[in-house]
C-alpha atoms as a PDB file:
ATOM      1  CA  UNK A   1     -13.863 -12.290  11.319  1.00  0.00           C
ATOM      2  CA  UNK A   2     -13.457 -16.192  11.289  1.00  0.00           C
ATOM      3  CA  UNK A   3     -17.279 -17.161  10.182  1.00  0.00           C
ATOM      4  CA  UNK A   4     -18.391 -16.856   6.582  1.00  0.00           C
ATOM      5  CA  UNK A   5     -20.446 -14.423   5.425  1.00  0.00           C
ATOM      6  CA  UNK A   6     -20.698 -10.549   4.436  1.00  0.00           C
ATOM      7  CA  UNK A   7     -20.596  -9.531   8.085  1.00  0.00           C
ATOM      8  CA  UNK A   8     -16.690 -10.681   8.285  1.00  0.00           C
ATOM      9  CA  UNK A   9     -16.058  -9.275   5.181  1.00  0.00           C
ATOM     10  CA  UNK A  10     -17.432  -6.072   6.026  1.00  0.00           C
ATOM     11  CA  UNK A  11     -15.814  -5.939   9.080  1.00  0.00           C
ATOM     12  CA  UNK A  12     -12.467  -6.708   7.615  1.00  0.00           C
ATOM     13  CA  UNK A  13     -12.635  -3.727   4.888  1.00  0.00           C
ATOM     14  CA  UNK A  14     -13.845  -1.294   7.590  1.00  0.00           C
ATOM     15  CA  UNK A  15     -10.346  -2.497   9.435  1.00  0.00           C
ATOM     16  CA  UNK A  16      -8.131  -2.644   5.968  1.00  0.00           C
ATOM     17  CA  UNK A  17      -9.439   0.704   4.743  1.00  0.00           C
ATOM     18  CA  UNK A  18      -8.912   2.208   7.579  1.00  0.00           C
ATOM     19  CA  UNK A  19      -5.411   1.133   8.095  1.00  0.00           C
ATOM     20  CA  UNK A  20      -4.562   1.941   4.442  1.00  0.00           C
ATOM     21  CA  UNK A  21      -5.878   5.044   4.791  1.00  0.00           C
ATOM     22  CA  UNK A  22      -3.614   5.890   7.996  1.00  0.00           C
ATOM     23  CA  UNK A  23      -0.766   4.265   7.063  1.00  0.00           C
ATOM     24  CA  UNK A  24      -0.913   5.568   3.114  1.00  0.00           C
ATOM     25  CA  UNK A  25      -2.287   8.898   2.963  1.00  0.00           C
ATOM     26  CA  UNK A  26       0.552  10.388   4.400  1.00  0.00           C
ATOM     27  CA  UNK A  27       3.146   9.011   1.355  1.00  0.00           C
ATOM     28  CA  UNK A  28      -0.016   9.908  -1.229  1.00  0.00           C
ATOM     29  CA  UNK A  29      -0.249  13.531   0.490  1.00  0.00           C
ATOM     30  CA  UNK A  30       2.167  15.395  -2.074  1.00  0.00           C
ATOM     31  CA  UNK A  31       0.205  13.520  -4.671  1.00  0.00           C
ATOM     32  CA  UNK A  32      -3.216  14.667  -3.230  1.00  0.00           C
ATOM     33  CA  UNK A  33      -1.467  18.612  -3.182  1.00  0.00           C
ATOM     34  CA  UNK A  34      -0.454  18.557  -6.305  1.00  0.00           C
ATOM     35  CA  UNK A  35      -3.766  16.992  -7.597  1.00  0.00           C
ATOM     36  CA  UNK A  36      -5.397  19.978  -5.935  1.00  0.00           C
ATOM     37  CA  UNK A  37      -3.214  22.189  -7.083  1.00  0.00           C
ATOM     38  CA  UNK A  38      -3.615  21.320 -10.568  1.00  0.00           C
ATOM     39  CA  UNK A  39      -7.687  21.236 -10.436  1.00  0.00           C
ATOM     40  CA  UNK A  40      -7.759  24.227  -8.648  1.00  0.00           C
ATOM     41  CA  UNK A  41      -9.104  23.362  -5.639  1.00  0.00           C
ATOM     42  CA  UNK A  42      -8.700  26.837  -3.699  1.00  0.00           C
ATOM     43  CA  UNK A  43     -12.706  27.190  -2.611  1.00  0.00           C
ATOM     44  CA  UNK A  44     -14.462  24.583  -0.432  1.00  0.00           C
ATOM     45  CA  UNK A  45     -17.021  23.812  -3.530  1.00  0.00           C
ATOM     46  CA  UNK A  46     -13.878  23.013  -5.824  1.00  0.00           C
ATOM     47  CA  UNK A  47     -12.625  20.225  -3.713  1.00  0.00           C
ATOM     48  CA  UNK A  48     -15.031  17.501  -4.366  1.00  0.00           C
ATOM     49  CA  UNK A  49     -12.415  16.388  -7.012  1.00  0.00           C
ATOM     50  CA  UNK A  50      -9.903  15.927  -4.853  1.00  0.00           C
ATOM     51  CA  UNK A  51     -11.870  14.207  -2.185  1.00  0.00           C
ATOM     52  CA  UNK A  52     -13.208  11.638  -5.285  1.00  0.00           C
ATOM     53  CA  UNK A  53      -9.024  11.253  -6.290  1.00  0.00           C
ATOM     54  CA  UNK A  54      -8.606  10.215  -2.796  1.00  0.00           C
ATOM     55  CA  UNK A  55     -11.716   7.656  -3.040  1.00  0.00           C
ATOM     56  CA  UNK A  56     -10.286   6.399  -5.817  1.00  0.00           C
ATOM     57  CA  UNK A  57      -6.713   6.206  -4.111  1.00  0.00           C
ATOM     58  CA  UNK A  58      -8.608   4.567  -1.417  1.00  0.00           C
ATOM     59  CA  UNK A  59     -10.777   2.107  -3.520  1.00  0.00           C
ATOM     60  CA  UNK A  60      -7.327   0.535  -5.240  1.00  0.00           C
ATOM     61  CA  UNK A  61      -6.262  -0.326  -1.865  1.00  0.00           C
ATOM     62  CA  UNK A  62      -9.473  -1.756  -0.892  1.00  0.00           C
ATOM     63  CA  UNK A  63      -9.562  -3.734  -4.259  1.00  0.00           C
ATOM     64  CA  UNK A  64      -6.052  -5.184  -2.356  1.00  0.00           C
ATOM     65  CA  UNK A  65      -7.512  -6.091   0.397  1.00  0.00           C
ATOM     66  CA  UNK A  66     -10.595  -8.017  -1.113  1.00  0.00           C
ATOM     67  CA  UNK A  67      -7.773 -10.031  -2.456  1.00  0.00           C
ATOM     68  CA  UNK A  68      -5.958 -10.522   0.339  1.00  0.00           C
ATOM     69  CA  UNK A  69      -9.223 -11.423   2.133  1.00  0.00           C
ATOM     70  CA  UNK A  70     -10.044 -13.872  -0.678  1.00  0.00           C
ATOM     71  CA  UNK A  71      -6.273 -15.810  -0.420  1.00  0.00           C
ATOM     72  CA  UNK A  72      -6.082 -16.216   2.983  1.00  0.00           C
ATOM     73  CA  UNK A  73      -9.871 -17.461   3.474  1.00  0.00           C
ATOM     74  CA  UNK A  74      -8.715 -20.097   0.341  1.00  0.00           C
ATOM     75  CA  UNK A  75      -5.647 -20.986   2.478  1.00  0.00           C
ATOM     76  CA  UNK A  76      -7.829 -21.826   5.819  1.00  0.00           C
ATOM     77  CA  UNK A  77      -6.980 -18.158   7.339  1.00  0.00           C
ATOM     78  CA  UNK A  78      -9.809 -15.963   8.480  1.00  0.00           C
ATOM     79  CA  UNK A  79      -8.621 -12.903   7.159  1.00  0.00           C
ATOM     80  CA  UNK A  80      -4.858 -11.244   6.409  1.00  0.00           C
ATOM     81  CA  UNK A  81      -5.567  -9.148   9.271  1.00  0.00           C
ATOM     82  CA  UNK A  82      -5.535 -12.195  11.696  1.00  0.00           C
ATOM     83  CA  UNK A  83      -3.971 -14.915   9.958  1.00  0.00           C
ATOM     84  CA  UNK A  84      -1.874 -16.718  11.876  1.00  0.00           C
ATOM     85  CA  UNK A  85       1.462 -17.344   9.880  1.00  0.00           C
ATOM     86  CA  UNK A  86       3.944 -20.287  10.459  1.00  0.00           C
ATOM     87  CA  UNK A  87       7.737 -19.554  10.186  1.00  0.00           C
ATOM     88  CA  UNK A  88       7.527 -20.831   6.829  1.00  0.00           C
ATOM     89  CA  UNK A  89       5.248 -18.819   5.686  1.00  0.00           C
ATOM     90  CA  UNK A  90       6.557 -15.846   7.383  1.00  0.00           C
ATOM     91  CA  UNK A  91      10.283 -16.775   5.384  1.00  0.00           C
ATOM     92  CA  UNK A  92       8.552 -16.721   2.103  1.00  0.00           C
ATOM     93  CA  UNK A  93       6.128 -13.328   2.743  1.00  0.00           C
ATOM     94  CA  UNK A  94       9.871 -12.070   3.257  1.00  0.00           C
ATOM     95  CA  UNK A  95      11.530 -13.433   0.775  1.00  0.00           C
ATOM     96  CA  UNK A  96       9.154 -12.479  -1.681  1.00  0.00           C
ATOM     97  CA  UNK A  97       8.946  -8.643  -0.456  1.00  0.00           C
ATOM     98  CA  UNK A  98      13.106  -8.863  -0.389  1.00  0.00           C
ATOM     99  CA  UNK A  99      12.817  -9.875  -3.735  1.00  0.00           C
ATOM    100  CA  UNK A 100      10.367  -7.998  -5.172  1.00  0.00           C
ATOM    101  CA  UNK A 101      11.782  -4.741  -3.239  1.00  0.00           C
ATOM    102  CA  UNK A 102      15.029  -5.517  -5.869  1.00  0.00           C
ATOM    103  CA  UNK A 103      12.799  -5.559  -8.871  1.00  0.00           C
ATOM    104  CA  UNK A 104      12.585  -3.113 -11.876  1.00  0.00           C
ATOM    105  CA  UNK A 105       8.375  -3.013 -11.529  1.00  0.00           C
ATOM    106  CA  UNK A 106       9.191  -2.057  -7.875  1.00  0.00           C
ATOM    107  CA  UNK A 107      11.412   1.026  -9.067  1.00  0.00           C
ATOM    108  CA  UNK A 108       9.296   2.183 -11.878  1.00  0.00           C
ATOM    109  CA  UNK A 109       6.582   2.790  -9.006  1.00  0.00           C
ATOM    110  CA  UNK A 110       8.920   4.351  -6.651  1.00  0.00           C
ATOM    111  CA  UNK A 111       9.807   6.542  -9.556  1.00  0.00           C
ATOM    112  CA  UNK A 112       6.086   7.131 -10.078  1.00  0.00           C
ATOM    113  CA  UNK A 113       5.328   7.694  -6.812  1.00  0.00           C
ATOM    114  CA  UNK A 114       8.232  10.065  -5.844  1.00  0.00           C
ATOM    115  CA  UNK A 115       7.442  12.008  -9.095  1.00  0.00           C
ATOM    116  CA  UNK A 116       3.810  12.272  -9.903  1.00  0.00           C
ATOM    117  CA  UNK A 117       3.757  15.316 -11.729  1.00  0.00           C
ATOM    118  CA  UNK A 118       4.076  14.660 -14.964  1.00  0.00           C
ATOM    119  CA  UNK A 119       1.544  11.554 -14.398  1.00  0.00           C
ATOM    120  CA  UNK A 120      -0.849  14.412 -13.393  1.00  0.00           C
ATOM    121  CA  UNK A 121      -0.072  16.865 -16.034  1.00  0.00           C
ATOM    122  CA  UNK A 122      -0.226  13.698 -19.007  1.00  0.00           C
ATOM    123  CA  UNK A 123      -3.662  12.485 -17.333  1.00  0.00           C
ATOM    124  CA  UNK A 124      -5.182  16.236 -16.577  1.00  0.00           C
ATOM    125  CA  UNK A 125      -8.554  15.242 -18.475  1.00  0.00           C
ATOM    126  CA  UNK A 126      -8.697  11.826 -17.262  1.00  0.00           C
ATOM    127  CA  UNK A 127     -11.795  11.555 -14.157  1.00  0.00           C
ATOM    128  CA  UNK A 128     -10.347  12.312 -10.627  1.00  0.00           C
ATOM    129  CA  UNK A 129     -11.767   8.752  -9.476  1.00  0.00           C
ATOM    130  CA  UNK A 130      -9.912   6.988 -12.450  1.00  0.00           C
ATOM    131  CA  UNK A 131      -6.959   9.196 -11.649  1.00  0.00           C
ATOM    132  CA  UNK A 132      -7.337   7.971  -8.085  1.00  0.00           C
ATOM    133  CA  UNK A 133      -7.635   4.397  -8.919  1.00  0.00           C
ATOM    134  CA  UNK A 134      -4.443   4.854 -11.218  1.00  0.00           C
ATOM    135  CA  UNK A 135      -2.349   6.421  -8.908  1.00  0.00           C
ATOM    136  CA  UNK A 136      -3.368   4.145  -6.286  1.00  0.00           C
ATOM    137  CA  UNK A 137      -2.984   0.811  -8.583  1.00  0.00           C
ATOM    138  CA  UNK A 138       0.542   2.734  -8.927  1.00  0.00           C
ATOM    139  CA  UNK A 139       1.083   2.809  -5.321  1.00  0.00           C
ATOM    140  CA  UNK A 140       0.235  -0.724  -4.505  1.00  0.00           C
ATOM    141  CA  UNK A 141       3.115  -1.439  -6.968  1.00  0.00           C
ATOM    142  CA  UNK A 142       5.536   0.060  -4.770  1.00  0.00           C
ATOM    143  CA  UNK A 143       4.642  -0.804  -1.505  1.00  0.00           C
ATOM    144  CA  UNK A 144       3.597  -4.259  -2.185  1.00  0.00           C
ATOM    145  CA  UNK A 145       6.507  -6.071  -0.959  1.00  0.00           C
ATOM    146  CA  UNK A 146       6.221  -3.777   2.539  1.00  0.00           C
ATOM    147  CA  UNK A 147       2.543  -4.769   2.802  1.00  0.00           C
ATOM    148  CA  UNK A 148       3.313  -8.195   2.496  1.00  0.00           C
ATOM    149  CA  UNK A 149       6.051  -7.845   5.539  1.00  0.00           C
ATOM    150  CA  UNK A 150       3.227  -6.210   7.466  1.00  0.00           C
ATOM    151  CA  UNK A 151       0.706  -8.877   6.599  1.00  0.00           C
ATOM    152  CA  UNK A 152       3.372 -11.369   7.939  1.00  0.00           C
ATOM    153  CA  UNK A 153       4.619  -9.598  11.419  1.00  0.00           C
ATOM    154  CA  UNK A 154       0.538  -8.964  12.037  1.00  0.00           C
ATOM    155  CA  UNK A 155      -1.611  -6.408  10.186  1.00  0.00           C
ATOM    156  CA  UNK A 156      -3.233  -4.931  13.196  1.00  0.00           C
ATOM    157  CA  UNK A 157      -0.552  -4.294  15.651  1.00  0.00           C
ATOM    158  CA  UNK A 158       0.489  -0.669  15.699  1.00  0.00           C
ATOM    159  CA  UNK A 159       3.971  -0.812  16.351  1.00  0.00           C
ATOM    160  CA  UNK A 160       4.535  -2.829  12.992  1.00  0.00           C
ATOM    161  CA  UNK A 161       1.746  -0.593  11.124  1.00  0.00           C
ATOM    162  CA  UNK A 162       4.258   2.091  12.402  1.00  0.00           C
ATOM    163  CA  UNK A 163       7.149   0.754  11.329  1.00  0.00           C
ATOM    164  CA  UNK A 164       6.126  -0.387   7.798  1.00  0.00           C
ATOM    165  CA  UNK A 165       4.140   3.590   7.583  1.00  0.00           C
ATOM    166  CA  UNK A 166       7.358   4.741   8.356  1.00  0.00           C
ATOM    167  CA  UNK A 167       9.666   2.880   6.108  1.00  0.00           C
ATOM    168  CA  UNK A 168       6.963   3.633   3.085  1.00  0.00           C
ATOM    169  CA  UNK A 169       6.914   7.506   3.702  1.00  0.00           C
ATOM    170  CA  UNK A 170      10.797   7.213   3.614  1.00  0.00           C
ATOM    171  CA  UNK A 171      10.586   5.478   0.068  1.00  0.00           C
ATOM    172  CA  UNK A 172       8.583   7.555  -1.101  1.00  0.00           C
ATOM    173  CA  UNK A 173       8.653  10.870   0.313  1.00  0.00           C
ATOM    174  CA  UNK A 174      12.458  11.464   1.667  1.00  0.00           C
ATOM    175  CA  UNK A 175      15.193  12.995   0.197  1.00  0.00           C
ATOM    176  CA  UNK A 176      17.130  10.306  -1.323  1.00  0.00           C
ATOM    177  CA  UNK A 177      14.325   7.750   0.091  1.00  0.00           C
ATOM    178  CA  UNK A 178      14.298   5.681  -3.394  1.00  0.00           C
ATOM    179  CA  UNK A 179      17.885   4.515  -2.200  1.00  0.00           C
ATOM    180  CA  UNK A 180      16.009   2.511   0.613  1.00  0.00           C
ATOM    181  CA  UNK A 181      14.710  -0.020  -1.541  1.00  0.00           C
ATOM    182  CA  UNK A 182      17.691  -2.123  -2.063  1.00  0.00           C
ATOM    183  CA  UNK A 183      19.074  -2.345   1.484  1.00  0.00           C
ATOM    184  CA  UNK A 184      15.463  -3.217   2.447  1.00  0.00           C
ATOM    185  CA  UNK A 185      15.493  -6.104  -0.357  1.00  0.00           C
ATOM    186  CA  UNK A 186      18.177  -7.319   0.930  1.00  0.00           C
ATOM    187  CA  UNK A 187      17.380  -7.013   4.678  1.00  0.00           C
ATOM    188  CA  UNK A 188      14.263  -8.841   3.860  1.00  0.00           C
ATOM    189  CA  UNK A 189      16.027 -11.594   2.644  1.00  0.00           C
ATOM    190  CA  UNK A 190      18.533 -11.599   5.576  1.00  0.00           C
ATOM    191  CA  UNK A 191      15.313 -12.425   7.607  1.00  0.00           C
ATOM    192  CA  UNK A 192      13.907 -14.808   5.396  1.00  0.00           C
ATOM    193  CA  UNK A 193      17.069 -16.791   5.744  1.00  0.00           C
ATOM    194  CA  UNK A 194      17.099 -16.223   9.445  1.00  0.00           C
ATOM    195  CA  UNK A 195      13.410 -17.812   9.945  1.00  0.00           C
ATOM    196  CA  UNK A 196      14.519 -21.075   7.925  1.00  0.00           C
ATOM    197  CA  UNK A 197      17.818 -21.264   9.715  1.00  0.00           C
END
């Protein structure tokens, strides 16, 4: 992936979309189920809108992957999946993630992801693709700090992927998971300080 050209971008996107699907779809499953129920996807022929919704959701994450790829290339790295991070850059990533976990934007996105029914009802006349992209964009806002930490730790490391995916499910799905954002933010800030010391 270190060479320029469309091949490396395509290879990166294949890995990124696969990683995004594996990590994000479990936490998006409740919203996908609500969407399917709201659209009446009970028969096999009616599942197309749900598949389009999921495609829109993954499209939002694909856009993030392309932005991350472009940023990594601009900083001299091959891709966010294999970039070698210095301790200072890791500290900056953890500090940014920690601060983000404490912001009102994170709280608003997390509320949406935890309770998407109102969003789906208000937007029921919106196309499945657009609704999927919009929900995916809010999900990106919800998980941006955690994904930044994952990239700093090593995005293709299966242990870190599983840990971050678990934190995402904790925050978005489990009872009282929204209360985890503040302690996580403080923990990330502590890691940032430790990396600099």
